[in-house]
Structure formats: C-alpha cells, structure tokens
C-alpha cells in the first residue's frame, strides 16, 4: 500500500535514529494497515526500510497482504547526489470458497542516482530518484522507475504535509489472457499529519494509483490514521 521513502527527506542531515508505527483504516478496501518504518543515518549515507501489512482485506482473516522495501543510500561527504540500492518484495492472500489462496509480489531490485535538497532549517525539502528496476520474472527490457518525494512542515511544525510519487515500467495483464493491458504503473501517497505529541500523530493519506496491483485504471483510496514515534 505504501512506499514511505519520504522519511529519508524528513531526517536528511540528522544523526539520530528514527522508528515509527502507523495504523491506517482504508475506506475503499475496508481494512486496516500497519506500517513500520526505520531510518538510520551514518557516515556513509543512510539505511531505510518499511513493512506494510493489510488485515482482513477481501474476507481474509488475519494478514491479507505483506510487503517490504529496504533501501541503502551511499553519499560522499555532503555531495548532494548519492547512489540508491533497493529491494522490494512481498506476498498476498485472497479468500475463495475452496479456502485461502496466496500469490507472490515479484522480487524487484533497484539502483540509481538520488538527489536531495532541503531548507537550512529542514522545514521543507524534496528528493528525486532515477532508478533501474529489475523485476523477477518480468520481460520488459530496460525497466526503470522515477521517484519524487517531498515534505513541508507548517503551523510552527505542528503539521506536516509529505508524500511520494512513483512511475515505473511494468507490463500488466489484468484480463489474464496473455496480452499486455498497460505498460506503466503510477502510485502516489500524499499524507497530512497533525503532531499532538512528540510521540503521537493523527492524520491520513490518499493513495492515488493507475494500473497498480490488480486494479486497471485510476483509483483513489483515502485513509485515516494514527502514528506512534518510538
């Protein structure tokens, strides 16, 4: 559901460790989603991962979808362009009269340059990435992904608007007839958060997607959420 790489922007230049847990209610899917994020900078760059889990989607009891990404960015001193290495993967379940069935989310590996720009007080900033994307089992020639990430703190940093947008090359066969119905996937997740306490936020997001997952065409999926910052 989510690709929250914008946490890298939020903490760019920081020397602290960050970890948080989100709980979202998805109005369109009528299910709960948890997202665990971790970001750790070091002298060579930073490491980031997140794990998404959906619960009860499509009449499945328990975890219906699990997905994770881990990314490593290497920087040379304070040079603004780094190298992003990344892995994506996961699995899902769906209910049938014959019992639950499972499917895999194809492994994907990404590599490419990343550029970040932040205000001096880190009140706002953005990151852009241009990545080669290899998807296991996909015959798409040269796969690629473009990623944009942003954040903006306002109202004396009581509120934050942030998010990401991804566009990548991937053949999709929604009718399972052996023909390609779409060659690109778009996914964006703008979020808004109100900071009640240094450890607790309330807010939500809107997932905007086109040809994402098993859904052909454009889709809008809003959520309401709470966040705990460890």
C-alpha atoms as a PDB file:
ATOM      1  CA  UNK A   1       0.000   0.000   0.000  1.00  0.00           C
ATOM      2  CA  UNK A   2       2.613   2.426   0.924  1.00  0.00           C
ATOM      3  CA  UNK A   3       6.019   3.477  -0.177  1.00  0.00           C
ATOM      4  CA  UNK A   4       7.134   5.932   2.615  1.00  0.00           C
ATOM      5  CA  UNK A   5      10.603   6.724   1.388  1.00  0.00           C
ATOM      6  CA  UNK A   6       9.959  10.386   2.178  1.00  0.00           C
ATOM      7  CA  UNK A   7      11.169   9.699   5.747  1.00  0.00           C
ATOM      8  CA  UNK A   8      14.659   9.997   4.266  1.00  0.00           C
ATOM      9  CA  UNK A   9      13.876  13.585   3.390  1.00  0.00           C
ATOM     10  CA  UNK A  10      12.372  14.356   6.750  1.00  0.00           C
ATOM     11  CA  UNK A  11      15.519  13.324   8.550  1.00  0.00           C
ATOM     12  CA  UNK A  12      18.162  14.191   5.950  1.00  0.00           C
ATOM     13  CA  UNK A  13      21.241  15.542   7.642  1.00  0.00           C
ATOM     14  CA  UNK A  14      20.186  14.164  11.013  1.00  0.00           C
ATOM     15  CA  UNK A  15      22.415  11.944  13.111  1.00  0.00           C
ATOM     16  CA  UNK A  16      19.516  10.390  15.032  1.00  0.00           C
ATOM     17  CA  UNK A  17      17.729   7.083  14.722  1.00  0.00           C
ATOM     18  CA  UNK A  18      14.024   7.119  13.812  1.00  0.00           C
ATOM     19  CA  UNK A  19      11.373   4.434  14.001  1.00  0.00           C
ATOM     20  CA  UNK A  20       7.585   4.723  13.811  1.00  0.00           C
ATOM     21  CA  UNK A  21       4.414   2.640  13.509  1.00  0.00           C
ATOM     22  CA  UNK A  22       1.311   3.780  11.574  1.00  0.00           C
ATOM     23  CA  UNK A  23      -2.193   2.325  11.819  1.00  0.00           C
ATOM     24  CA  UNK A  24      -4.442   3.219   8.848  1.00  0.00           C
ATOM     25  CA  UNK A  25      -8.084   2.473   8.136  1.00  0.00           C
ATOM     26  CA  UNK A  26      -8.643   2.194   4.376  1.00  0.00           C
ATOM     27  CA  UNK A  27     -12.176   3.355   3.498  1.00  0.00           C
ATOM     28  CA  UNK A  28     -12.171   1.835  -0.006  1.00  0.00           C
ATOM     29  CA  UNK A  29     -10.755  -1.578   0.929  1.00  0.00           C
ATOM     30  CA  UNK A  30     -12.461  -1.555   4.372  1.00  0.00           C
ATOM     31  CA  UNK A  31      -9.368  -2.959   6.062  1.00  0.00           C
ATOM     32  CA  UNK A  32      -6.612  -1.970   8.474  1.00  0.00           C
ATOM     33  CA  UNK A  33      -2.982  -1.436   7.503  1.00  0.00           C
ATOM     34  CA  UNK A  34       0.076  -1.147   9.717  1.00  0.00           C
ATOM     35  CA  UNK A  35       3.330   0.374   8.512  1.00  0.00           C
ATOM     36  CA  UNK A  36       6.594   0.014  10.417  1.00  0.00           C
ATOM     37  CA  UNK A  37       9.366   2.399   9.293  1.00  0.00           C
ATOM     38  CA  UNK A  38      13.002   2.701  10.294  1.00  0.00           C
ATOM     39  CA  UNK A  39      15.606   5.238   9.223  1.00  0.00           C
ATOM     40  CA  UNK A  40      19.236   5.285  10.367  1.00  0.00           C
ATOM     41  CA  UNK A  41      21.900   7.654   9.004  1.00  0.00           C
ATOM     42  CA  UNK A  42      25.627   7.024   9.288  1.00  0.00           C
ATOM     43  CA  UNK A  43      28.906   8.390   7.927  1.00  0.00           C
ATOM     44  CA  UNK A  44      28.430   6.675   4.562  1.00  0.00           C
ATOM     45  CA  UNK A  45      24.774   7.613   3.965  1.00  0.00           C
ATOM     46  CA  UNK A  46      21.606   6.089   5.387  1.00  0.00           C
ATOM     47  CA  UNK A  47      19.511   2.930   5.582  1.00  0.00           C
ATOM     48  CA  UNK A  48      15.723   2.914   5.385  1.00  0.00           C
ATOM     49  CA  UNK A  49      13.078   0.187   5.421  1.00  0.00           C
ATOM     50  CA  UNK A  50       9.338  -0.141   5.839  1.00  0.00           C
ATOM     51  CA  UNK A  51       6.984  -3.103   6.230  1.00  0.00           C
ATOM     52  CA  UNK A  52       3.306  -2.838   5.255  1.00  0.00           C
ATOM     53  CA  UNK A  53       0.683  -5.353   6.393  1.00  0.00           C
ATOM     54  CA  UNK A  54      -3.007  -5.343   5.476  1.00  0.00           C
ATOM     55  CA  UNK A  55      -5.511  -7.089   7.759  1.00  0.00           C
ATOM     56  CA  UNK A  56      -8.877  -8.532   6.759  1.00  0.00           C
ATOM     57  CA  UNK A  57      -8.915  -7.398   3.132  1.00  0.00           C
ATOM     58  CA  UNK A  58     -11.320  -9.348   0.928  1.00  0.00           C
ATOM     59  CA  UNK A  59     -12.746 -11.500   3.762  1.00  0.00           C
ATOM     60  CA  UNK A  60      -9.326 -12.914   4.604  1.00  0.00           C
ATOM     61  CA  UNK A  61      -8.848 -13.480   8.322  1.00  0.00           C
ATOM     62  CA  UNK A  62      -5.592 -12.078   9.682  1.00  0.00           C
ATOM     63  CA  UNK A  63      -2.847 -10.722   7.436  1.00  0.00           C
ATOM     64  CA  UNK A  64      -4.063 -10.453   3.842  1.00  0.00           C
ATOM     65  CA  UNK A  65      -1.018  -8.713   2.355  1.00  0.00           C
ATOM     66  CA  UNK A  66       2.576  -8.174   3.452  1.00  0.00           C
ATOM     67  CA  UNK A  67       5.112  -6.031   1.610  1.00  0.00           C
ATOM     68  CA  UNK A  68       8.501  -4.579   2.462  1.00  0.00           C
ATOM     69  CA  UNK A  69      11.182  -2.367   0.989  1.00  0.00           C
ATOM     70  CA  UNK A  70      14.714  -1.778   2.144  1.00  0.00           C
ATOM     71  CA  UNK A  71      16.922   0.931   0.657  1.00  0.00           C
ATOM     72  CA  UNK A  72      20.526   1.913   1.208  1.00  0.00           C
ATOM     73  CA  UNK A  73      21.800   5.324   0.064  1.00  0.00           C
ATOM     74  CA  UNK A  74      25.549   5.939  -0.227  1.00  0.00           C
ATOM     75  CA  UNK A  75      26.784   9.541  -0.115  1.00  0.00           C
ATOM     76  CA  UNK A  76      30.282  11.006  -0.432  1.00  0.00           C
ATOM     77  CA  UNK A  77      30.712  13.612   2.308  1.00  0.00           C
ATOM     78  CA  UNK A  78      27.969  16.237   1.760  1.00  0.00           C
ATOM     79  CA  UNK A  79      27.764  15.809  -2.021  1.00  0.00           C
ATOM     80  CA  UNK A  80      24.029  16.157  -2.894  1.00  0.00           C
ATOM     81  CA  UNK A  81      23.921  13.172  -5.275  1.00  0.00           C
ATOM     82  CA  UNK A  82      24.089   9.670  -3.825  1.00  0.00           C
ATOM     83  CA  UNK A  83      23.553   6.111  -5.034  1.00  0.00           C
ATOM     84  CA  UNK A  84      20.358   4.273  -4.055  1.00  0.00           C
ATOM     85  CA  UNK A  85      20.325   0.449  -3.729  1.00  0.00           C
ATOM     86  CA  UNK A  86      16.913  -1.065  -3.022  1.00  0.00           C
ATOM     87  CA  UNK A  87      14.941  -4.319  -2.729  1.00  0.00           C
ATOM     88  CA  UNK A  88      11.114  -4.752  -2.831  1.00  0.00           C
ATOM     89  CA  UNK A  89       9.055  -7.888  -2.263  1.00  0.00           C
ATOM     90  CA  UNK A  90       6.077  -9.463  -0.518  1.00  0.00           C
ATOM     91  CA  UNK A  91       3.041 -11.739  -0.789  1.00  0.00           C
ATOM     92  CA  UNK A  92      -0.743 -11.652  -0.530  1.00  0.00           C
ATOM     93  CA  UNK A  93      -3.739 -13.859   0.278  1.00  0.00           C
ATOM     94  CA  UNK A  94      -7.303 -13.873  -1.036  1.00  0.00           C
ATOM     95  CA  UNK A  95     -10.422 -15.738   0.003  1.00  0.00           C
ATOM     96  CA  UNK A  96     -12.199 -18.346  -2.148  1.00  0.00           C
ATOM     97  CA  UNK A  97     -14.901 -20.934  -1.433  1.00  0.00           C
ATOM     98  CA  UNK A  98     -12.149 -23.552  -1.603  1.00  0.00           C
ATOM     99  CA  UNK A  99     -10.080 -21.769   1.039  1.00  0.00           C
ATOM    100  CA  UNK A 100      -7.486 -19.032   1.074  1.00  0.00           C
ATOM    101  CA  UNK A 101      -5.122 -18.739  -1.890  1.00  0.00           C
ATOM    102  CA  UNK A 102      -1.753 -16.982  -1.946  1.00  0.00           C
ATOM    103  CA  UNK A 103       0.249 -15.049  -4.512  1.00  0.00           C
ATOM    104  CA  UNK A 104       3.718 -13.552  -4.573  1.00  0.00           C
ATOM    105  CA  UNK A 105       4.704  -9.954  -5.203  1.00  0.00           C
ATOM    106  CA  UNK A 106       7.634 -10.336  -7.568  1.00  0.00           C
ATOM    107  CA  UNK A 107      11.056  -9.508  -6.160  1.00  0.00           C
ATOM    108  CA  UNK A 108      12.423  -6.223  -7.510  1.00  0.00           C
ATOM    109  CA  UNK A 109      15.917  -4.695  -7.333  1.00  0.00           C
ATOM    110  CA  UNK A 110      16.613  -1.019  -7.990  1.00  0.00           C
ATOM    111  CA  UNK A 111      19.779   1.036  -8.396  1.00  0.00           C
ATOM    112  CA  UNK A 112      20.437   4.591  -9.479  1.00  0.00           C
ATOM    113  CA  UNK A 113      21.260   8.177  -8.501  1.00  0.00           C
ATOM    114  CA  UNK A 114      19.344  10.135  -5.878  1.00  0.00           C
ATOM    115  CA  UNK A 115      19.361  13.918  -5.360  1.00  0.00           C
ATOM    116  CA  UNK A 116      18.046  15.699  -2.256  1.00  0.00           C
ATOM    117  CA  UNK A 117      17.506  19.382  -1.477  1.00  0.00           C
ATOM    118  CA  UNK A 118      16.432  20.682   1.932  1.00  0.00           C
ATOM    119  CA  UNK A 119      15.865  24.065   3.515  1.00  0.00           C
ATOM    120  CA  UNK A 120      18.534  25.039   6.055  1.00  0.00           C
ATOM    121  CA  UNK A 121      16.094  24.536   8.928  1.00  0.00           C
ATOM    122  CA  UNK A 122      14.661  21.328   7.367  1.00  0.00           C
ATOM    123  CA  UNK A 123      11.200  22.870   7.238  1.00  0.00           C
ATOM    124  CA  UNK A 124      10.770  21.636   3.658  1.00  0.00           C
ATOM    125  CA  UNK A 125      12.591  19.635   1.032  1.00  0.00           C
ATOM    126  CA  UNK A 126      12.423  17.140  -1.775  1.00  0.00           C
ATOM    127  CA  UNK A 127      14.234  14.156  -3.269  1.00  0.00           C
ATOM    128  CA  UNK A 128      14.244  12.783  -6.825  1.00  0.00           C
ATOM    129  CA  UNK A 129      15.463   9.369  -7.965  1.00  0.00           C
ATOM    130  CA  UNK A 130      16.093   7.866 -11.401  1.00  0.00           C
ATOM    131  CA  UNK A 131      16.461   4.106 -10.974  1.00  0.00           C
ATOM    132  CA  UNK A 132      16.995   0.975 -12.986  1.00  0.00           C
ATOM    133  CA  UNK A 133      14.358  -1.539 -11.861  1.00  0.00           C
ATOM    134  CA  UNK A 134      14.687  -5.266 -12.424  1.00  0.00           C
ATOM    135  CA  UNK A 135      11.542  -7.302 -11.655  1.00  0.00           C
ATOM    136  CA  UNK A 136      11.882 -11.057 -11.257  1.00  0.00           C
ATOM    137  CA  UNK A 137      10.025 -12.940 -13.987  1.00  0.00           C
ATOM    138  CA  UNK A 138       9.242  -9.790 -15.996  1.00  0.00           C
ATOM    139  CA  UNK A 139      10.425  -9.444 -19.590  1.00  0.00           C
ATOM    140  CA  UNK A 140      10.223  -5.688 -20.084  1.00  0.00           C
ATOM    141  CA  UNK A 141      13.648  -4.906 -21.476  1.00  0.00           C
ATOM    142  CA  UNK A 142      15.147  -1.958 -19.638  1.00  0.00           C
ATOM    143  CA  UNK A 143      12.996  -1.460 -16.552  1.00  0.00           C
ATOM    144  CA  UNK A 144      13.045   1.899 -14.812  1.00  0.00           C
ATOM    145  CA  UNK A 145      11.439   3.874 -12.018  1.00  0.00           C
ATOM    146  CA  UNK A 146      11.252   7.591 -11.315  1.00  0.00           C
ATOM    147  CA  UNK A 147      10.531   8.655  -7.748  1.00  0.00           C
ATOM    148  CA  UNK A 148       9.755  12.057  -6.280  1.00  0.00           C
ATOM    149  CA  UNK A 149       9.497  12.710  -2.544  1.00  0.00           C
ATOM    150  CA  UNK A 150       8.601  15.859  -0.618  1.00  0.00           C
ATOM    151  CA  UNK A 151       7.855  17.217   2.869  1.00  0.00           C
ATOM    152  CA  UNK A 152       6.629  20.523   4.282  1.00  0.00           C
ATOM    153  CA  UNK A 153       6.292  21.466   7.961  1.00  0.00           C
ATOM    154  CA  UNK A 154       3.949  24.366   8.748  1.00  0.00           C
ATOM    155  CA  UNK A 155       1.980  25.984  11.588  1.00  0.00           C
ATOM    156  CA  UNK A 156       5.144  26.130  13.712  1.00  0.00           C
ATOM    157  CA  UNK A 157       5.826  22.492  12.776  1.00  0.00           C
ATOM    158  CA  UNK A 158       2.550  21.326  14.296  1.00  0.00           C
ATOM    159  CA  UNK A 159       1.514  19.940  10.906  1.00  0.00           C
ATOM    160  CA  UNK A 160       3.353  18.131   8.125  1.00  0.00           C
ATOM    161  CA  UNK A 161       2.407  17.563   4.507  1.00  0.00           C
ATOM    162  CA  UNK A 162       4.567  14.946   2.830  1.00  0.00           C
ATOM    163  CA  UNK A 163       4.446  12.116   0.352  1.00  0.00           C
ATOM    164  CA  UNK A 164       5.933  10.414  -2.669  1.00  0.00           C
ATOM    165  CA  UNK A 165       5.119   9.657  -6.305  1.00  0.00           C
ATOM    166  CA  UNK A 166       6.460   6.686  -8.303  1.00  0.00           C
ATOM    167  CA  UNK A 167       6.238   5.930 -12.008  1.00  0.00           C
ATOM    168  CA  UNK A 168       7.707   2.655 -13.242  1.00  0.00           C
ATOM    169  CA  UNK A 169       7.785   0.351 -16.266  1.00  0.00           C
ATOM    170  CA  UNK A 170       5.868  -2.904 -15.787  1.00  0.00           C
ATOM    171  CA  UNK A 171       3.675  -4.934 -18.144  1.00  0.00           C
ATOM    172  CA  UNK A 172       0.259  -5.727 -16.662  1.00  0.00           C
ATOM    173  CA  UNK A 173      -2.231  -8.355 -17.865  1.00  0.00           C
ATOM    174  CA  UNK A 174      -5.425  -7.571 -15.947  1.00  0.00           C
ATOM    175  CA  UNK A 175      -7.603  -9.948 -18.000  1.00  0.00           C
ATOM    176  CA  UNK A 176      -5.213 -12.928 -17.713  1.00  0.00           C
ATOM    177  CA  UNK A 177      -5.446 -13.522 -21.455  1.00  0.00           C
ATOM    178  CA  UNK A 178      -1.752 -13.225 -22.291  1.00  0.00           C
ATOM    179  CA  UNK A 179      -1.966  -9.675 -23.645  1.00  0.00           C
ATOM    180  CA  UNK A 180      -0.434  -6.554 -22.139  1.00  0.00           C
ATOM    181  CA  UNK A 181      -3.137  -4.150 -20.936  1.00  0.00           C
ATOM    182  CA  UNK A 182      -0.770  -1.488 -19.523  1.00  0.00           C
ATOM    183  CA  UNK A 183       2.978  -0.845 -19.638  1.00  0.00           C
ATOM    184  CA  UNK A 184       3.398   1.646 -16.789  1.00  0.00           C
ATOM    185  CA  UNK A 185       2.299   1.918 -13.181  1.00  0.00           C
ATOM    186  CA  UNK A 186       1.794   5.138 -11.222  1.00  0.00           C
ATOM    187  CA  UNK A 187       1.493   5.372  -7.438  1.00  0.00           C
ATOM    188  CA  UNK A 188       1.406   8.445  -5.190  1.00  0.00           C
ATOM    189  CA  UNK A 189       0.618   8.785  -1.482  1.00  0.00           C
ATOM    190  CA  UNK A 190       0.295  12.353  -0.174  1.00  0.00           C
ATOM    191  CA  UNK A 191      -0.118  12.464   3.616  1.00  0.00           C
ATOM    192  CA  UNK A 192      -1.136  15.081   6.173  1.00  0.00           C
ATOM    193  CA  UNK A 193      -0.245  14.778   9.879  1.00  0.00           C
ATOM    194  CA  UNK A 194      -1.034  16.795  12.996  1.00  0.00           C
ATOM    195  CA  UNK A 195       1.567  16.413  15.750  1.00  0.00           C
ATOM    196  CA  UNK A 196      -0.277  16.058  19.046  1.00  0.00           C
ATOM    197  CA  UNK A 197       2.821  14.942  20.950  1.00  0.00           C
ATOM    198  CA  UNK A 198       6.427  14.188  20.077  1.00  0.00           C
ATOM    199  CA  UNK A 199       5.459  10.506  20.111  1.00  0.00           C
ATOM    200  CA  UNK A 200       1.944  10.685  18.633  1.00  0.00           C
ATOM    201  CA  UNK A 201       0.427  11.991  15.351  1.00  0.00           C
ATOM    202  CA  UNK A 202      -3.039  11.846  13.779  1.00  0.00           C
ATOM    203  CA  UNK A 203      -3.749  12.250  10.091  1.00  0.00           C
ATOM    204  CA  UNK A 204      -4.191  10.219   6.969  1.00  0.00           C
ATOM    205  CA  UNK A 205      -3.275   9.722   3.349  1.00  0.00           C
ATOM    206  CA  UNK A 206      -4.792   9.362  -0.095  1.00  0.00           C
ATOM    207  CA  UNK A 207      -3.423   6.607  -2.317  1.00  0.00           C
ATOM    208  CA  UNK A 208      -3.592   7.738  -5.943  1.00  0.00           C
ATOM    209  CA  UNK A 209      -2.794   4.949  -8.386  1.00  0.00           C
ATOM    210  CA  UNK A 210      -3.061   3.972 -12.024  1.00  0.00           C
ATOM    211  CA  UNK A 211      -2.718   0.316 -13.096  1.00  0.00           C
ATOM    212  CA  UNK A 212      -1.405  -0.581  -9.639  1.00  0.00           C
ATOM    213  CA  UNK A 213      -1.645  -4.103  -8.235  1.00  0.00           C
ATOM    214  CA  UNK A 214      -4.667  -5.928  -9.637  1.00  0.00           C
ATOM    215  CA  UNK A 215      -6.623  -2.736 -10.426  1.00  0.00           C
ATOM    216  CA  UNK A 216      -6.732  -1.456 -14.003  1.00  0.00           C
ATOM    217  CA  UNK A 217      -7.084   2.284 -14.452  1.00  0.00           C
ATOM    218  CA  UNK A 218      -7.096   5.111 -11.942  1.00  0.00           C
ATOM    219  CA  UNK A 219      -8.055   4.602  -8.300  1.00  0.00           C
ATOM    220  CA  UNK A 220      -8.339   6.855  -5.229  1.00  0.00           C
ATOM    221  CA  UNK A 221      -8.101   5.275  -1.773  1.00  0.00           C
ATOM    222  CA  UNK A 222      -8.271   7.586   1.283  1.00  0.00           C
ATOM    223  CA  UNK A 223      -7.336   6.543   4.818  1.00  0.00           C
ATOM    224  CA  UNK A 224      -7.469   7.910   8.350  1.00  0.00           C
ATOM    225  CA  UNK A 225      -4.507   7.097  10.566  1.00  0.00           C
ATOM    226  CA  UNK A 226      -2.562   7.440  13.794  1.00  0.00           C
ATOM    227  CA  UNK A 227       1.219   7.276  14.171  1.00  0.00           C
ATOM    228  CA  UNK A 228       3.417   6.329  17.131  1.00  0.00           C
ATOM    229  CA  UNK A 229       7.018   7.583  17.015  1.00  0.00           C
ATOM    230  CA  UNK A 230       9.403   5.463  19.074  1.00  0.00           C
END
